[in-house]
N, C-alpha and C. Protein backbone atom coordinates (compact mmCIF):
# COMPACT_ATOMS: atom_id res chain seq x y z
N MET A 1 -75.70 -61.01 13.22
CA MET A 1 -75.48 -60.01 14.19
C MET A 1 -74.44 -58.97 13.66
N SER A 2 -74.72 -57.79 13.96
CA SER A 2 -73.79 -56.74 13.54
C SER A 2 -72.99 -56.26 14.70
N LYS A 3 -71.80 -55.93 14.46
CA LYS A 3 -70.85 -55.42 15.51
C LYS A 3 -70.99 -53.91 15.57
N GLU A 4 -70.92 -53.38 16.80
CA GLU A 4 -70.96 -51.91 16.93
C GLU A 4 -69.67 -51.33 16.40
N SER A 5 -69.76 -50.27 15.69
CA SER A 5 -68.52 -49.56 15.27
C SER A 5 -68.14 -48.55 16.39
N ASP A 6 -66.95 -48.05 16.30
CA ASP A 6 -66.48 -47.11 17.31
C ASP A 6 -67.37 -45.90 17.44
N GLU A 7 -67.99 -45.51 16.31
CA GLU A 7 -68.84 -44.32 16.32
C GLU A 7 -70.14 -44.58 17.00
N ASP A 8 -70.65 -45.86 16.97
CA ASP A 8 -71.95 -46.19 17.54
C ASP A 8 -71.88 -46.34 19.03
N ARG A 9 -70.67 -46.66 19.51
CA ARG A 9 -70.56 -46.85 20.97
C ARG A 9 -70.61 -45.51 21.70
N ASP A 10 -71.32 -45.48 22.77
CA ASP A 10 -71.45 -44.20 23.54
C ASP A 10 -70.85 -44.38 24.88
N ASP A 11 -69.54 -44.46 24.96
CA ASP A 11 -68.90 -44.67 26.26
C ASP A 11 -68.03 -43.39 26.62
N ARG A 12 -68.38 -42.28 25.98
CA ARG A 12 -67.70 -41.03 26.30
C ARG A 12 -68.33 -40.45 27.53
N GLY A 13 -67.58 -39.57 28.22
CA GLY A 13 -68.14 -38.95 29.36
C GLY A 13 -67.19 -37.83 29.90
N ALA A 14 -67.67 -37.15 30.85
CA ALA A 14 -66.89 -36.05 31.48
C ALA A 14 -67.13 -36.01 32.95
N VAL A 15 -66.16 -35.65 33.67
CA VAL A 15 -66.29 -35.44 35.14
C VAL A 15 -66.27 -33.95 35.38
N VAL A 16 -67.34 -33.45 35.96
CA VAL A 16 -67.43 -31.98 36.28
C VAL A 16 -67.35 -31.84 37.82
N LEU A 17 -66.34 -31.12 38.21
CA LEU A 17 -66.19 -30.89 39.70
C LEU A 17 -66.77 -29.53 40.06
N GLN A 18 -67.37 -29.52 41.20
CA GLN A 18 -67.84 -28.24 41.78
C GLN A 18 -66.70 -27.38 42.18
N PRO A 19 -66.69 -26.11 41.88
CA PRO A 19 -65.68 -25.22 42.34
C PRO A 19 -65.71 -25.11 43.88
N GLU A 20 -64.54 -25.04 44.49
CA GLU A 20 -64.56 -24.89 45.95
C GLU A 20 -64.84 -23.40 46.30
N PRO A 21 -65.72 -23.14 47.20
CA PRO A 21 -65.95 -21.71 47.56
C PRO A 21 -64.79 -21.22 48.40
N PRO A 22 -64.63 -19.90 48.39
CA PRO A 22 -63.55 -19.33 49.20
C PRO A 22 -63.75 -19.68 50.67
N ALA A 23 -62.66 -19.85 51.44
CA ALA A 23 -62.73 -20.14 52.83
C ALA A 23 -63.40 -18.98 53.59
N ARG A 24 -64.04 -19.31 54.69
CA ARG A 24 -64.69 -18.29 55.50
C ARG A 24 -63.74 -17.18 55.89
N GLY A 25 -64.20 -15.92 55.64
CA GLY A 25 -63.32 -14.78 55.97
C GLY A 25 -62.44 -14.37 54.83
N THR A 26 -62.56 -15.02 53.66
CA THR A 26 -61.80 -14.59 52.47
C THR A 26 -62.75 -14.34 51.37
N PHE A 27 -62.21 -13.88 50.23
CA PHE A 27 -63.05 -13.65 49.09
C PHE A 27 -62.26 -13.96 47.78
N ALA A 28 -62.93 -14.18 46.75
CA ALA A 28 -62.31 -14.49 45.43
C ALA A 28 -62.59 -13.31 44.52
N LEU A 29 -61.60 -12.91 43.74
CA LEU A 29 -61.74 -11.77 42.87
C LEU A 29 -61.21 -12.19 41.49
N LEU A 30 -62.05 -12.08 40.48
CA LEU A 30 -61.71 -12.37 39.12
C LEU A 30 -61.23 -11.07 38.41
N ILE A 31 -60.02 -11.05 37.93
CA ILE A 31 -59.47 -9.87 37.28
C ILE A 31 -59.18 -10.16 35.82
N PRO A 32 -59.63 -9.33 34.88
CA PRO A 32 -59.38 -9.60 33.49
C PRO A 32 -57.88 -9.59 33.21
N SER A 33 -57.45 -10.26 32.19
CA SER A 33 -55.99 -10.38 31.87
C SER A 33 -55.40 -9.09 31.41
N ASN A 34 -56.22 -8.11 31.05
CA ASN A 34 -55.66 -6.80 30.61
C ASN A 34 -55.52 -5.79 31.76
N MET A 35 -55.69 -6.29 33.01
CA MET A 35 -55.57 -5.40 34.23
C MET A 35 -54.44 -5.94 35.05
N ALA A 36 -53.78 -4.97 35.72
CA ALA A 36 -52.75 -5.23 36.69
C ALA A 36 -53.23 -4.74 38.04
N TRP A 37 -52.67 -5.33 39.11
CA TRP A 37 -53.07 -4.91 40.42
C TRP A 37 -51.85 -4.89 41.33
N GLN A 38 -51.94 -4.07 42.34
CA GLN A 38 -50.90 -3.93 43.33
C GLN A 38 -51.51 -3.92 44.69
N ALA A 39 -50.93 -4.69 45.64
CA ALA A 39 -51.46 -4.72 47.03
C ALA A 39 -50.49 -3.92 47.92
N SER A 40 -51.07 -3.17 48.83
CA SER A 40 -50.30 -2.43 49.80
C SER A 40 -51.06 -2.36 51.09
N SER A 41 -50.32 -2.20 52.18
CA SER A 41 -50.94 -2.06 53.50
C SER A 41 -51.43 -0.65 53.63
N PHE A 42 -52.57 -0.52 54.24
CA PHE A 42 -53.18 0.81 54.38
C PHE A 42 -54.02 0.82 55.64
N GLY A 43 -53.54 1.44 56.73
CA GLY A 43 -54.30 1.52 57.93
C GLY A 43 -54.69 0.17 58.55
N GLY A 44 -53.75 -0.77 58.54
CA GLY A 44 -54.03 -2.11 59.13
C GLY A 44 -54.85 -3.02 58.20
N ALA A 45 -55.14 -2.55 57.04
CA ALA A 45 -55.87 -3.34 56.06
C ALA A 45 -55.07 -3.54 54.79
N LEU A 46 -55.57 -4.24 53.83
CA LEU A 46 -54.89 -4.44 52.57
C LEU A 46 -55.64 -3.64 51.52
N ARG A 47 -54.89 -2.87 50.78
CA ARG A 47 -55.50 -2.04 49.69
C ARG A 47 -55.09 -2.58 48.36
N LEU A 48 -56.03 -2.80 47.47
CA LEU A 48 -55.75 -3.29 46.12
C LEU A 48 -56.01 -2.16 45.11
N ASP A 49 -55.02 -1.83 44.35
CA ASP A 49 -55.13 -0.83 43.32
C ASP A 49 -55.10 -1.49 41.93
N PHE A 50 -56.00 -1.15 41.06
CA PHE A 50 -56.13 -1.74 39.76
C PHE A 50 -55.84 -0.73 38.67
N ARG A 51 -55.22 -1.19 37.60
CA ARG A 51 -54.98 -0.31 36.39
C ARG A 51 -54.77 -1.17 35.16
N PRO A 52 -54.96 -0.61 34.00
CA PRO A 52 -54.67 -1.40 32.78
C PRO A 52 -53.19 -1.68 32.72
N ILE A 53 -52.87 -2.84 32.13
CA ILE A 53 -51.40 -3.21 32.05
C ILE A 53 -50.76 -2.37 31.01
N ARG A 54 -49.52 -2.11 31.18
CA ARG A 54 -48.69 -1.34 30.22
C ARG A 54 -48.18 -2.23 29.13
N PRO A 55 -47.86 -1.67 27.97
CA PRO A 55 -47.38 -2.49 26.81
C PRO A 55 -46.22 -3.40 27.22
N ARG A 56 -45.29 -2.89 27.99
CA ARG A 56 -44.13 -3.73 28.39
C ARG A 56 -44.57 -4.90 29.27
N GLU A 57 -45.51 -4.69 30.17
CA GLU A 57 -46.05 -5.79 31.02
C GLU A 57 -46.77 -6.84 30.18
N ARG A 58 -47.44 -6.37 29.18
CA ARG A 58 -48.17 -7.28 28.23
C ARG A 58 -47.21 -8.22 27.55
N VAL A 59 -46.04 -7.63 27.12
CA VAL A 59 -45.01 -8.43 26.42
C VAL A 59 -44.46 -9.53 27.39
N VAL A 60 -44.22 -9.11 28.64
CA VAL A 60 -43.70 -10.05 29.68
C VAL A 60 -44.69 -11.17 29.89
N ARG A 61 -46.01 -10.85 29.96
CA ARG A 61 -47.00 -11.91 30.18
C ARG A 61 -47.06 -12.88 29.03
N VAL A 62 -46.99 -12.34 27.81
CA VAL A 62 -47.01 -13.25 26.63
C VAL A 62 -45.78 -14.16 26.62
N ARG A 63 -44.67 -13.61 27.00
CA ARG A 63 -43.41 -14.44 26.99
C ARG A 63 -43.49 -15.49 28.06
N GLU A 64 -44.09 -15.16 29.20
CA GLU A 64 -44.18 -16.16 30.31
C GLU A 64 -45.10 -17.34 29.95
N LYS A 65 -46.18 -16.98 29.25
CA LYS A 65 -47.13 -18.05 28.78
C LYS A 65 -46.53 -18.90 27.72
N ALA A 66 -45.59 -18.36 26.94
CA ALA A 66 -44.97 -19.12 25.83
C ALA A 66 -43.93 -20.07 26.35
N LYS A 67 -43.41 -19.86 27.57
CA LYS A 67 -42.36 -20.71 28.14
C LYS A 67 -42.92 -22.10 28.41
N PRO A 68 -42.14 -23.16 28.00
CA PRO A 68 -42.62 -24.54 28.31
C PRO A 68 -42.50 -24.98 29.74
């Protein structure tokens, strides 16, 4: 009888979870990392303004990601 080696064993796996949909009455918005946004009230609603991030903002984001 031969023993199975670690490479021959197939006990690896992954758990894949379904993403939760946004709650009713809300929405999800994916924004690229090179964009900035600002929310403001406008006529009883919320207004979102988008623009490319500035070089200084990019530096701040890189520093925040590097913090442990």
